[in-house]
Amino acid sequence: MKKLKKLMAMVLCILMMLNIAAPAFAETESKSYNYDTYLCIGDSIAAGCGLTWDGSETVFEPTPEGLAKVWGKGYITHGYDFKAIPTAYHSIVAEAIDAELWQLAVSGLRSVELRYFLDGVFNDYDDTFSWDNTYFDWDANGFTISDLDYVKSLIPYAECIKNTDLMTLNIGSNDVFSFSFGVVMAELYKEDANPELTAIKEYFESTGNIGAAFGKLIELYQSMGKITELLNVIVSTFSTTVDQFFTNYDIIMDEIYKLNPDITLVNVGVYNPLKYMHVSDSLDASVLLSGVVNKINRHLSDYCKTYDNCYYADVVGTETYETTLGDPYFWEYFSITVHPNLAGHQFMAQQILSVIPENLPFKDVQPSDWCFDDVLYCYKNDLMKGVSETAFDPDGVMTRGMVATVLYRMNGSPDVSGMSHPFNDVSEGRYCADAVIWAYNNGIIAGYADGSFKPDQFISREQLAAMLYRYACEFGYADPAEKNSFALVKYTDSDQVSAYAVPAMRWTVAHGIIYGKTFSTLQPQGDATRAQCAAMLTRFDKMINEG
């Protein structure tokens, strides 16, 4: 045990410093992520149990040699040591979003243990059972509170939650299903156990293979004509275990957001682990679990609505290993085959990535802000940058030089060699110099009568409209003959639009590029804030690119 503890401590130290790379199977080029760290917490599914250490598919050969290989050291991963598996969904997601992976998933983890790690309360279903969590067993003697305290001392769950940007949570299967296994396995320890039950008990105690013992028990009860009785025992446990799981889960969620209110959390749902299990022609074991799977997933999905930055990933379609009861080692392989295969992990990664929101490095623009999507569009399409690495300043104002630069980028930043401009206040070498030269030579800006451009002057809403309109006319996106005569009639201040800007304001309003500051006012002379500019530029760029 001391040797194991020393090894685990070393592994965890290494783990927290490594960013494990893996092939990105999911399509993510169209999304923009800015997560520095990704924390994966969950059970054996999240840990990659069922995959080999090199990330390849596990092969279940129906031979003694195949059985020895699968369960031998160095082949299959059980996930006990918090390592990252290169083809498990945790590595695929980390690679896809280019984030440092903190892999803290472990086989057998339930909400019971995770809650204890976070708030110190051990709210178990029934502490009289010794088989309810054998997968979370460090010394082959069943877990104890001292075992959990030891794990808690090694694994900084709370600190990692406090300091991560993104987290996936994948628990629930062991809370419900492994406990139900424990209820069934309790049949082996009845005082009036018959010889067949005793034989299965001895097999279990000598091998520790709960899956095989469970299978032998089912076969025995089926041969005795008592399978319905046994299955009723399983089903009767579901209501209790699901309700208890919800109690622990809800508290865990609240604890997570107390630790880190800004965390982006993806709740990974559960799938039916018995989807390929047909005990007999008349008994489809998967039907027993379909109802509880749906109930758990509904709760996980609904609870996400409690927090703005919580998302649900539906993984019901996850592919697991397919074996049949006719295989001689079906039950020996059972506890592994219920886990995702390679295709299953790729599917789970895609489902997770599909709900992870795009984000920004700017602390002053949140997903709940009206301008978030527009700022994100401008940022990812290199139309606008922040005023610093972490600030966008949405309520700040744009200058004339800034807008000229944005339009110049939108046009591909063409070479301006040989072009000239008459402006006396835009010197060579200024950030906007090439943009101003390009804009002047393409008729997008004209400047002032005194020969200045005033690049640092705040741009007004009508000036921005004029520059967008001239760009559209110059490059064939607008027809100057289009009048749009009635576009401004609903605005009470339309008479305040300068004469030069009237066609531009009419066109931009008619095409949904500029909206009123209020329902009835345009405020054409008002300064355009950076958030407003982001919105207008987004609509303008989409019109150009999408038609």
Protein backbone atom coordinates (compact mmCIF):
# COMPACT_ATOMS: atom_id res chain seq x y z
CA MET A 1 0.00 0.00 0.00
CA LYS A 2 2.85 2.41 0.82
CA LYS A 3 4.41 1.68 -2.56
CA LEU A 4 1.08 2.40 -4.27
CA LYS A 5 0.68 5.68 -2.41
CA LYS A 6 4.16 6.80 -3.33
CA LEU A 7 3.57 5.96 -6.98
CA MET A 8 0.24 7.79 -7.01
CA ALA A 9 1.75 10.90 -5.49
CA MET A 10 4.45 10.95 -8.15
CA VAL A 11 1.94 10.39 -10.95
CA LEU A 12 -0.29 13.19 -9.73
CA CYS A 13 2.59 15.66 -9.51
CA ILE A 14 3.54 14.86 -13.09
CA LEU A 15 -0.07 14.95 -14.21
CA MET A 16 -0.70 18.47 -13.02
CA MET A 17 2.24 19.76 -15.04
CA LEU A 18 1.52 17.98 -18.31
CA ASN A 19 -0.69 18.89 -21.21
CA ILE A 20 -1.50 15.57 -22.83
CA ALA A 21 -1.83 15.80 -26.60
CA ALA A 22 -4.17 13.65 -28.65
CA PRO A 23 -5.65 13.64 -32.14
CA ALA A 24 -8.62 15.97 -32.45
CA PHE A 25 -11.33 13.82 -33.94
CA ALA A 26 -14.09 16.40 -33.63
CA GLU A 27 -14.55 19.24 -36.07
CA THR A 28 -13.77 22.45 -34.20
CA GLU A 29 -12.28 24.84 -36.76
CA SER A 30 -15.49 26.86 -36.91
CA LYS A 31 -15.47 27.60 -33.18
CA SER A 32 -13.23 29.86 -31.16
CA TYR A 33 -12.04 28.78 -27.72
CA ASN A 34 -9.90 30.57 -25.17
CA TYR A 35 -9.77 28.09 -22.30
CA ASP A 36 -6.38 27.73 -20.67
CA THR A 37 -7.23 24.68 -18.55
CA TYR A 38 -9.71 21.82 -18.82
CA LEU A 39 -10.58 19.79 -15.73
CA CYS A 40 -12.10 16.34 -16.27
CA ILE A 41 -13.86 14.85 -13.23
CA GLY A 42 -15.79 11.63 -13.45
CA ASP A 43 -15.82 7.88 -13.14
CA SER A 44 -14.31 5.07 -15.23
CA ILE A 45 -16.02 6.31 -18.39
CA ALA A 46 -14.31 9.68 -18.10
CA ALA A 47 -11.06 7.97 -17.08
CA GLY A 48 -10.91 5.94 -20.29
CA CYS A 49 -11.48 2.51 -18.78
CA GLY A 50 -11.81 -0.08 -21.53
CA LEU A 51 -9.17 1.44 -23.77
CA THR A 52 -5.61 0.18 -23.87
CA TRP A 53 -2.77 2.21 -22.46
CA ASP A 54 -1.59 3.20 -25.96
CA GLY A 55 -5.11 4.33 -26.84
CA SER A 56 -6.01 1.52 -29.21
CA GLU A 57 -9.21 -0.51 -29.20
CA THR A 58 -9.37 -3.37 -26.72
CA VAL A 59 -9.66 -6.80 -28.33
CA PHE A 60 -11.71 -9.35 -26.41
CA GLU A 61 -10.53 -12.72 -27.61
CA PRO A 62 -12.65 -15.70 -26.40
CA THR A 63 -9.57 -17.69 -25.37
CA PRO A 64 -7.67 -18.19 -22.11
CA GLU A 65 -4.72 -16.37 -23.65
CA GLY A 66 -6.96 -13.45 -24.67
CA LEU A 67 -8.47 -13.24 -21.21
CA ALA A 68 -5.03 -13.22 -19.59
CA LYS A 69 -3.88 -10.48 -21.95
CA VAL A 70 -6.87 -8.19 -21.35
CA TRP A 71 -6.58 -8.45 -17.59
CA GLY A 72 -2.80 -8.49 -17.57
CA LYS A 73 -0.65 -5.55 -16.60
CA GLY A 74 0.27 -3.05 -19.26
CA TYR A 75 -2.62 -3.72 -21.66
CA ILE A 76 -5.96 -2.35 -20.52
CA THR A 77 -6.45 0.82 -18.52
CA HIS A 78 -8.68 0.75 -15.49
CA GLY A 79 -8.29 4.44 -14.74
CA TYR A 80 -7.25 4.04 -11.10
CA ASP A 81 -4.28 6.37 -11.33
CA PHE A 82 -5.78 9.49 -12.92
CA LYS A 83 -3.71 9.22 -16.07
CA ALA A 84 -4.72 10.67 -19.42
CA ILE A 85 -5.44 8.20 -22.21
CA PRO A 86 -4.63 9.63 -25.66
CA THR A 87 -7.87 8.49 -27.31
CA ALA A 88 -10.26 8.96 -24.37
CA TYR A 89 -12.68 11.84 -24.65
CA HIS A 90 -10.79 13.89 -22.06
CA SER A 91 -7.71 14.02 -24.31
CA ILE A 92 -9.72 14.62 -27.48
CA VAL A 93 -11.51 17.58 -25.92
CA ALA A 94 -8.30 19.05 -24.45
CA GLU A 95 -6.56 18.86 -27.82
CA ALA A 96 -9.54 20.29 -29.71
CA ILE A 97 -9.75 23.40 -27.50
CA ASP A 98 -5.97 23.66 -27.04
CA ALA A 99 -6.20 23.62 -23.25
CA GLU A 100 -4.03 22.07 -20.55
CA LEU A 101 -5.68 18.87 -19.34
CA TRP A 102 -6.18 18.14 -15.64
CA GLN A 103 -7.42 14.55 -15.63
CA LEU A 104 -8.96 13.76 -12.24
CA ALA A 105 -11.43 11.08 -13.28
CA VAL A 106 -11.14 7.74 -11.50
CA SER A 107 -12.90 4.42 -11.85
CA GLY A 108 -15.82 3.95 -9.50
CA LEU A 109 -16.20 7.61 -8.52
CA ARG A 110 -19.72 8.42 -7.37
CA SER A 111 -21.42 11.58 -6.23
CA VAL A 112 -21.02 10.12 -2.73
CA GLU A 113 -17.23 10.40 -2.82
CA LEU A 114 -17.07 13.62 -4.81
CA ARG A 115 -19.41 15.33 -2.39
CA TYR A 116 -17.23 14.18 0.50
CA PHE A 117 -14.17 15.62 -1.24
CA LEU A 118 -15.92 18.99 -1.63
CA ASP A 119 -17.99 19.53 1.52
CA GLY A 120 -16.88 16.73 3.85
CA VAL A 121 -20.31 15.06 4.03
CA PHE A 122 -20.45 11.32 3.32
CA ASN A 123 -24.04 10.77 2.27
CA ASP A 124 -24.04 7.12 1.19
CA TYR A 125 -27.05 5.01 0.31
CA ASP A 126 -26.51 2.19 2.75
CA ASP A 127 -23.22 1.65 4.53
CA THR A 128 -24.12 -1.94 5.38
CA PHE A 129 -23.17 -3.10 1.89
CA SER A 130 -19.55 -3.90 1.13
CA TRP A 131 -20.05 -4.32 -2.62
CA ASP A 132 -21.49 -0.94 -3.51
CA ASN A 133 -18.20 0.55 -4.64
CA THR A 134 -15.60 -2.12 -5.21
CA TYR A 135 -14.18 -0.24 -8.21
CA PHE A 136 -13.13 2.57 -5.87
CA ASP A 137 -11.02 0.21 -3.80
CA TRP A 138 -7.43 1.08 -2.95
CA ASP A 139 -6.30 -1.85 -0.82
CA ALA A 140 -8.72 -4.69 -1.69
CA ASN A 141 -10.45 -4.32 1.68
CA GLY A 142 -13.27 -2.00 0.62
CA PHE A 143 -13.09 1.77 1.02
CA THR A 144 -13.33 3.54 4.33
CA ILE A 145 -13.48 7.18 5.34
CA SER A 146 -9.75 7.03 6.02
CA ASP A 147 -9.25 5.83 2.43
CA LEU A 148 -11.25 8.79 1.16
CA ASP A 149 -9.33 11.20 3.40
CA TYR A 150 -6.13 9.86 1.93
CA VAL A 151 -7.40 10.39 -1.61
CA LYS A 152 -8.58 13.87 -0.64
CA SER A 153 -5.11 14.69 0.63
CA LEU A 154 -3.60 13.66 -2.71
CA ILE A 155 -6.15 14.98 -5.17
CA PRO A 156 -6.86 18.73 -4.91
CA TYR A 157 -10.37 18.59 -6.35
CA ALA A 158 -11.50 21.87 -4.79
CA GLU A 159 -8.35 23.77 -5.75
CA CYS A 160 -8.54 22.52 -9.32
CA ILE A 161 -12.18 23.57 -9.58
CA LYS A 162 -11.26 27.03 -8.25
CA ASN A 163 -8.55 27.50 -10.83
CA THR A 164 -9.86 25.92 -14.02
CA ASP A 165 -11.66 27.62 -16.90
CA LEU A 166 -13.59 24.60 -18.16
CA MET A 167 -14.79 21.43 -16.46
CA THR A 168 -16.68 18.32 -17.49
CA LEU A 169 -18.54 16.32 -14.84
CA ASN A 170 -19.36 12.68 -15.62
CA ILE A 171 -20.88 10.87 -12.63
CA GLY A 172 -24.09 8.99 -11.90
CA SER A 173 -23.58 5.55 -13.41
CA ASN A 174 -21.87 4.09 -10.36
CA ASP A 175 -24.30 5.76 -7.97
CA VAL A 176 -27.20 3.88 -9.48
CA PHE A 177 -25.95 0.86 -11.35
CA SER A 178 -23.09 -0.38 -9.21
CA PHE A 179 -25.26 -0.04 -6.10
CA SER A 180 -27.92 -2.17 -7.78
CA PHE A 181 -25.22 -4.73 -8.52
CA GLY A 182 -24.42 -4.64 -4.81
CA VAL A 183 -28.01 -5.36 -3.90
CA VAL A 184 -27.98 -8.38 -6.19
CA MET A 185 -24.62 -9.55 -4.93
CA ALA A 186 -26.03 -9.47 -1.40
CA GLU A 187 -27.97 -12.55 -2.45
CA LEU A 188 -24.69 -14.44 -2.21
CA TYR A 189 -24.49 -13.73 1.50
CA LYS A 190 -27.90 -14.85 2.61
CA GLU A 191 -27.80 -17.14 5.59
CA ASP A 192 -29.83 -19.73 3.74
CA ALA A 193 -27.68 -19.65 0.62
CA ASN A 194 -27.85 -22.89 -1.36
CA PRO A 195 -24.72 -24.69 -2.59
CA GLU A 196 -24.86 -23.01 -6.00
CA LEU A 197 -24.91 -19.56 -4.38
CA THR A 198 -22.07 -20.58 -2.11
CA ALA A 199 -20.04 -21.64 -5.12
CA ILE A 200 -20.59 -18.28 -6.79
CA LYS A 201 -19.66 -16.53 -3.55
CA GLU A 202 -16.41 -18.47 -3.37
CA TYR A 203 -15.71 -17.68 -7.02
CA PHE A 204 -16.23 -13.99 -6.39
CA GLU A 205 -14.03 -13.94 -3.29
CA SER A 206 -11.22 -15.76 -5.07
CA THR A 207 -11.30 -13.71 -8.30
CA GLY A 208 -12.80 -10.36 -7.30
CA ASN A 209 -14.60 -10.31 -10.65
CA ILE A 210 -17.97 -8.79 -9.80
CA GLY A 211 -19.11 -8.89 -13.42
CA ALA A 212 -18.57 -12.61 -13.77
CA ALA A 213 -20.14 -13.34 -10.38
CA PHE A 214 -23.13 -11.19 -11.29
CA GLY A 215 -23.56 -13.09 -14.52
CA LYS A 216 -23.33 -16.47 -12.84
CA LEU A 217 -25.97 -15.31 -10.36
CA ILE A 218 -28.33 -14.28 -13.14
CA GLU A 219 -27.84 -17.60 -14.93
CA LEU A 220 -28.51 -19.50 -11.71
CA TYR A 221 -31.73 -17.61 -11.00
CA GLN A 222 -32.81 -18.08 -14.59
CA SER A 223 -32.27 -21.85 -14.32
CA MET A 224 -34.27 -21.85 -11.07
CA GLY A 225 -37.13 -19.95 -12.69
CA LYS A 226 -36.58 -17.03 -10.30
CA ILE A 227 -35.09 -14.47 -12.72
CA THR A 228 -38.16 -12.22 -12.48
CA GLU A 229 -37.80 -12.14 -8.71
CA LEU A 230 -34.16 -11.13 -9.00
CA LEU A 231 -34.84 -8.46 -11.60
CA ASN A 232 -37.58 -6.99 -9.43
CA VAL A 233 -35.00 -6.61 -6.67
CA ILE A 234 -32.80 -4.63 -9.07
CA VAL A 235 -35.58 -2.40 -10.33
CA SER A 236 -36.83 -1.67 -6.80
CA THR A 237 -33.46 -0.14 -5.90
CA PHE A 238 -33.50 2.38 -8.73
CA SER A 239 -35.96 4.85 -7.24
CA THR A 240 -34.03 5.09 -3.97
CA THR A 241 -30.61 5.35 -5.57
CA VAL A 242 -31.65 7.91 -8.17
CA ASP A 243 -33.23 10.20 -5.57
CA GLN A 244 -30.14 9.92 -3.38
CA PHE A 245 -27.91 10.68 -6.36
CA PHE A 246 -29.93 13.80 -7.14
CA THR A 247 -29.51 15.00 -3.55
CA ASN A 248 -25.73 14.63 -3.69
CA TYR A 249 -25.46 15.89 -7.25
CA ASP A 250 -27.35 19.12 -6.57
CA ILE A 251 -25.13 19.89 -3.60
CA ILE A 252 -22.01 19.14 -5.67
CA MET A 253 -23.17 21.56 -8.36
CA ASP A 254 -23.76 24.31 -5.83
CA GLU A 255 -20.35 23.67 -4.26
CA ILE A 256 -18.66 23.90 -7.66
CA TYR A 257 -20.18 27.30 -8.36
CA LYS A 258 -19.34 28.51 -4.85
CA LEU A 259 -15.73 27.58 -5.52
CA ASN A 260 -15.68 29.11 -9.00
CA PRO A 261 -18.70 31.21 -10.09
CA ASP A 262 -17.10 31.87 -13.48
CA ILE A 263 -16.40 28.23 -14.37
CA THR A 264 -17.80 26.85 -17.61
CA LEU A 265 -19.23 23.45 -16.69
CA VAL A 266 -20.42 20.69 -19.00
CA ASN A 267 -22.61 18.03 -17.41
CA VAL A 268 -22.01 14.81 -19.31
CA GLY A 269 -25.11 12.62 -19.33
CA VAL A 270 -25.30 8.86 -18.92
CA TYR A 271 -26.00 6.15 -21.47
CA ASN A 272 -27.48 2.68 -21.10
CA PRO A 273 -24.58 0.37 -20.13
CA LEU A 274 -26.63 -2.73 -20.96
CA LYS A 275 -27.57 -1.69 -24.49
CA TYR A 276 -26.14 -4.95 -25.94
CA MET A 277 -27.16 -7.24 -23.10
CA HIS A 278 -29.85 -9.76 -24.07
CA VAL A 279 -30.06 -12.36 -21.30
CA SER A 280 -32.48 -14.53 -23.27
CA ASP A 281 -34.90 -14.35 -26.17
CA SER A 282 -37.53 -13.02 -23.79
CA LEU A 283 -35.31 -10.82 -21.61
CA ASP A 284 -33.66 -7.64 -22.87
CA ALA A 285 -31.69 -6.30 -19.90
CA SER A 286 -31.31 -2.87 -21.54
CA VAL A 287 -35.04 -2.24 -21.07
CA LEU A 288 -34.57 -2.40 -17.31
CA LEU A 289 -32.32 0.64 -17.36
CA SER A 290 -33.86 2.79 -20.09
CA GLY A 291 -36.25 4.52 -17.70
CA VAL A 292 -33.63 5.38 -15.10
CA VAL A 293 -31.20 6.59 -17.79
CA ASN A 294 -33.86 8.99 -19.08
CA LYS A 295 -34.67 10.19 -15.57
CA ILE A 296 -31.03 10.93 -14.75
CA ASN A 297 -30.45 12.75 -18.02
CA ARG A 298 -33.55 14.89 -17.59
CA HIS A 299 -32.34 15.98 -14.16
CA LEU A 300 -28.82 16.78 -15.39
CA SER A 301 -30.20 18.74 -18.31
CA ASP A 302 -32.75 20.65 -16.23
CA TYR A 303 -30.26 21.52 -13.51
CA CYS A 304 -28.02 23.23 -16.06
CA LYS A 305 -30.71 25.91 -16.33
CA THR A 306 -29.85 26.95 -12.77
CA TYR A 307 -26.57 28.49 -13.94
CA ASP A 308 -25.90 30.59 -17.06
CA ASN A 309 -22.56 28.92 -17.70
CA CYS A 310 -23.66 25.30 -17.29
CA TYR A 311 -24.29 23.04 -20.28
CA TYR A 312 -25.56 19.49 -20.83
CA ALA A 313 -23.97 17.01 -23.24
CA ASP A 314 -26.29 14.22 -24.39
CA VAL A 315 -24.27 11.02 -24.83
CA VAL A 316 -27.07 8.47 -25.09
CA GLY A 317 -25.74 7.32 -28.48
CA THR A 318 -22.34 6.30 -27.09
CA GLU A 319 -21.02 3.08 -28.62
CA THR A 320 -19.74 0.44 -26.21
CA TYR A 321 -18.08 -2.92 -26.84
CA GLU A 322 -20.42 -5.51 -28.29
CA THR A 323 -20.21 -9.07 -27.03
CA THR A 324 -22.80 -11.80 -26.72
CA LEU A 325 -23.77 -14.16 -23.95
CA GLY A 326 -22.52 -16.98 -26.13
CA ASP A 327 -18.92 -15.84 -25.69
CA PRO A 328 -17.19 -18.11 -23.16
CA TYR A 329 -15.76 -15.15 -21.27
CA PHE A 330 -18.71 -12.79 -21.60
CA TRP A 331 -19.04 -12.18 -17.87
CA GLU A 332 -15.30 -11.97 -17.28
CA TYR A 333 -15.24 -9.15 -19.85
CA PHE A 334 -18.56 -7.65 -18.79
CA SER A 335 -17.30 -4.88 -16.50
CA ILE A 336 -15.05 -3.63 -19.32
CA THR A 337 -17.37 -3.96 -22.30
CA VAL A 338 -19.96 -1.61 -20.82
CA HIS A 339 -17.46 1.22 -21.34
CA PRO A 340 -17.08 3.31 -24.51
CA ASN A 341 -14.95 1.97 -27.33
CA LEU A 342 -12.91 4.28 -29.57
CA ALA A 343 -15.96 5.38 -31.55
CA GLY A 344 -17.79 5.92 -28.27
CA HIS A 345 -15.13 8.27 -26.94
CA GLN A 346 -15.02 10.17 -30.21
CA PHE A 347 -18.79 10.56 -30.09
CA MET A 348 -18.72 11.74 -26.48
CA ALA A 349 -16.00 14.27 -27.32
CA GLN A 350 -18.04 15.60 -30.22
CA GLN A 351 -21.13 15.93 -28.03
CA ILE A 352 -19.13 17.80 -25.37
CA LEU A 353 -17.48 20.09 -27.90
CA SER A 354 -20.83 20.85 -29.49
CA VAL A 355 -22.09 22.46 -26.28
CA ILE A 356 -18.89 24.11 -25.03
CA PRO A 357 -19.50 27.80 -25.69
CA GLU A 358 -17.11 29.89 -27.65
CA ASN A 359 -15.48 32.44 -25.42
CA LEU A 360 -13.34 35.52 -25.38
CA PRO A 361 -10.19 36.52 -23.52
CA PHE A 362 -11.92 39.76 -22.54
CA LYS A 363 -13.12 39.88 -18.94
CA ASP A 364 -15.48 42.78 -19.66
CA VAL A 365 -17.60 40.94 -22.26
CA GLN A 366 -19.63 38.06 -20.86
CA PRO A 367 -21.85 35.56 -22.72
CA SER A 368 -24.92 37.18 -21.18
CA ASP A 369 -24.07 40.62 -22.67
CA TRP A 370 -26.09 41.72 -25.70
CA CYS A 371 -22.91 42.33 -27.71
CA PHE A 372 -21.14 39.05 -26.90
CA ASP A 373 -21.84 37.29 -30.20
CA ASP A 374 -20.89 40.37 -32.19
CA VAL A 375 -17.64 40.94 -30.29
CA LEU A 376 -16.83 37.24 -30.65
CA TYR A 377 -17.46 37.39 -34.40
CA CYS A 378 -15.23 40.43 -34.84
CA TYR A 379 -12.53 38.91 -32.64
CA LYS A 380 -12.41 35.51 -34.34
CA ASN A 381 -12.57 37.09 -37.83
CA ASP A 382 -9.79 39.55 -36.95
CA LEU A 383 -11.99 42.60 -37.50
CA MET A 384 -11.55 44.11 -34.05
CA LYS A 385 -9.08 43.51 -31.27
CA GLY A 386 -9.20 44.33 -27.58
CA VAL A 387 -7.77 47.45 -25.99
CA SER A 388 -5.57 44.99 -24.08
CA GLU A 389 -5.18 41.22 -23.89
CA THR A 390 -7.99 40.95 -21.34
CA ALA A 391 -10.20 43.98 -22.05
CA PHE A 392 -12.40 44.94 -25.00
CA ASP A 393 -13.91 48.12 -23.52
CA PRO A 394 -17.38 47.67 -25.04
CA ASP A 395 -18.60 51.06 -23.80
CA GLY A 396 -15.55 52.85 -25.13
CA VAL A 397 -15.65 54.60 -28.48
CA MET A 398 -14.11 53.85 -31.86
CA THR A 399 -11.99 56.38 -33.69
CA ARG A 400 -12.02 57.15 -37.40
CA GLY A 401 -8.58 55.58 -37.77
CA MET A 402 -9.75 52.39 -36.06
CA VAL A 403 -12.71 51.96 -38.41
CA ALA A 404 -10.55 52.59 -41.47
CA THR A 405 -8.23 49.85 -40.19
CA VAL A 406 -11.10 47.42 -39.71
CA LEU A 407 -12.37 47.95 -43.27
CA TYR A 408 -8.82 47.62 -44.58
CA ARG A 409 -8.51 44.24 -42.86
CA MET A 410 -11.91 43.24 -44.18
CA ASN A 411 -10.59 43.81 -47.69
CA GLY A 412 -7.57 41.62 -47.07
CA SER A 413 -5.05 44.38 -46.18
CA PRO A 414 -3.91 44.93 -49.79
CA ASP A 415 -0.58 46.46 -50.76
CA VAL A 416 -0.72 50.28 -50.83
CA SER A 417 2.63 50.83 -52.55
CA GLY A 418 2.39 53.75 -54.98
CA MET A 419 -0.79 55.12 -53.44
CA SER A 420 -0.82 58.53 -51.77
CA HIS A 421 -3.10 60.62 -49.61
CA PRO A 422 -3.41 64.31 -48.83
CA PHE A 423 -3.85 64.09 -45.06
CA ASN A 424 -1.43 66.08 -42.96
CA ASP A 425 -2.21 64.32 -39.67
CA VAL A 426 -1.55 60.67 -40.66
CA SER A 427 2.18 60.19 -40.67
CA GLU A 428 3.97 57.21 -42.15
CA GLY A 429 4.37 54.46 -39.60
CA ARG A 430 1.12 55.11 -37.72
CA TYR A 431 -0.92 51.97 -37.02
CA CYS A 432 -3.63 53.19 -39.42
CA ALA A 433 -1.44 54.73 -42.12
CA ASP A 434 -1.82 51.97 -44.73
CA ALA A 435 -5.52 51.66 -43.97
CA VAL A 436 -6.10 55.40 -44.45
CA ILE A 437 -4.14 55.38 -47.72
CA TRP A 438 -6.18 52.43 -48.98
CA ALA A 439 -9.50 53.92 -47.83
CA TYR A 440 -8.81 57.28 -49.48
CA ASN A 441 -7.77 55.77 -52.81
CA ASN A 442 -10.88 53.60 -52.86
CA GLY A 443 -13.27 56.48 -52.14
CA ILE A 444 -14.23 55.26 -48.68
CA ILE A 445 -12.99 58.38 -46.84
CA ALA A 446 -12.62 61.98 -47.95
CA GLY A 447 -11.25 63.84 -44.94
CA TYR A 448 -11.81 67.44 -43.91
CA ALA A 449 -11.39 70.71 -45.81
CA ASP A 450 -8.25 71.61 -43.86
CA GLY A 451 -6.45 68.57 -45.25
CA SER A 452 -6.79 66.48 -42.12
CA PHE A 453 -8.37 63.10 -41.54
CA LYS A 454 -8.56 63.30 -37.74
CA PRO A 455 -7.77 59.61 -37.14
CA ASP A 456 -8.11 59.97 -33.37
CA GLN A 457 -11.51 61.64 -33.47
CA PHE A 458 -14.39 59.54 -32.16
CA ILE A 459 -16.45 58.29 -35.06
CA SER A 460 -20.13 59.15 -35.13
CA ARG A 461 -22.85 56.74 -36.08
CA GLU A 462 -23.50 58.51 -39.39
CA GLN A 463 -19.78 58.62 -40.23
CA LEU A 464 -19.57 54.88 -39.66
CA ALA A 465 -22.63 54.38 -41.87
CA ALA A 466 -21.03 56.48 -44.59
CA MET A 467 -17.79 54.48 -44.56
CA LEU A 468 -19.66 51.16 -44.69
CA TYR A 469 -21.89 52.38 -47.51
CA ARG A 470 -18.98 53.66 -49.61
CA TYR A 471 -17.17 50.36 -49.10
CA ALA A 472 -20.25 48.46 -50.24
CA CYS A 473 -20.68 50.64 -53.31
CA GLU A 474 -16.99 50.47 -54.25
CA PHE A 475 -16.81 46.69 -54.12
CA GLY A 476 -20.21 45.88 -55.60
CA TYR A 477 -22.25 45.08 -52.49
CA ALA A 478 -24.57 48.09 -52.81
CA ASP A 479 -26.28 49.82 -55.72
CA PRO A 480 -25.99 53.63 -55.50
CA ALA A 481 -29.25 53.89 -57.45
CA GLU A 482 -31.11 52.17 -54.60
CA LYS A 483 -33.07 54.94 -52.86
CA ASN A 484 -34.53 53.34 -49.70
CA SER A 485 -36.56 56.53 -49.36
CA PHE A 486 -38.73 55.36 -46.46
CA ALA A 487 -36.03 53.66 -44.39
CA LEU A 488 -35.77 56.52 -41.89
CA VAL A 489 -39.38 57.65 -41.60
CA LYS A 490 -40.01 56.01 -38.22
CA TYR A 491 -37.16 57.87 -36.56
CA THR A 492 -38.09 61.24 -35.06
CA ASP A 493 -34.54 62.59 -35.37
CA SER A 494 -33.94 61.59 -39.00
CA ASP A 495 -33.73 65.30 -39.87
CA GLN A 496 -30.49 65.43 -37.86
CA VAL A 497 -28.68 63.19 -40.37
CA SER A 498 -26.11 65.25 -42.28
CA ALA A 499 -26.84 65.61 -46.00
CA TYR A 500 -23.75 63.65 -47.06
CA ALA A 501 -24.77 60.71 -44.85
CA VAL A 502 -28.47 60.44 -45.82
CA PRO A 503 -28.02 57.80 -48.58
CA ALA A 504 -25.68 55.83 -46.31
CA MET A 505 -28.00 55.92 -43.31
CA ARG A 506 -30.95 54.91 -45.47
CA TRP A 507 -29.03 51.98 -46.94
CA THR A 508 -27.55 50.70 -43.66
CA VAL A 509 -30.92 50.95 -41.87
CA ALA A 510 -32.78 49.29 -44.77
CA HIS A 511 -30.34 46.38 -44.76
CA GLY A 512 -30.39 45.89 -40.99
CA ILE A 513 -26.80 46.97 -40.43
CA ILE A 514 -27.62 49.93 -38.19
CA TYR A 515 -30.55 49.95 -35.79
CA GLY A 516 -31.90 52.90 -33.89
CA LYS A 517 -30.41 53.78 -30.53
CA THR A 518 -33.99 53.57 -29.34
CA PHE A 519 -37.13 52.41 -31.11
CA SER A 520 -37.76 55.92 -32.48
CA THR A 521 -34.33 57.62 -32.55
CA LEU A 522 -31.17 57.15 -34.61
CA GLN A 523 -28.89 59.64 -32.82
CA PRO A 524 -26.80 60.00 -35.98
CA GLN A 525 -24.39 62.49 -34.39
CA GLY A 526 -23.77 60.31 -31.36
CA ASP A 527 -20.47 58.51 -30.91
CA ALA A 528 -20.46 54.84 -31.90
CA THR A 529 -19.32 52.70 -29.01
CA ARG A 530 -17.00 49.78 -29.57
CA ALA A 531 -19.85 47.36 -28.84
CA GLN A 532 -22.10 49.12 -31.36
CA CYS A 533 -19.33 49.09 -33.94
CA ALA A 534 -18.83 45.36 -33.35
CA ALA A 535 -22.54 44.79 -33.97
CA MET A 536 -22.61 46.90 -37.15
CA LEU A 537 -19.41 45.41 -38.52
CA THR A 538 -20.65 41.89 -37.81
CA ARG A 539 -23.90 42.49 -39.70
CA PHE A 540 -22.01 44.19 -42.52
CA ASP A 541 -19.41 41.45 -42.86
CA LYS A 542 -22.05 38.71 -42.78
CA MET A 543 -24.01 40.51 -45.51
CA ILE A 544 -20.89 40.63 -47.66
CA ASN A 545 -19.89 37.01 -47.08
CA GLU A 546 -23.29 35.36 -46.83
CA GLY A 547 -25.29 37.53 -49.20
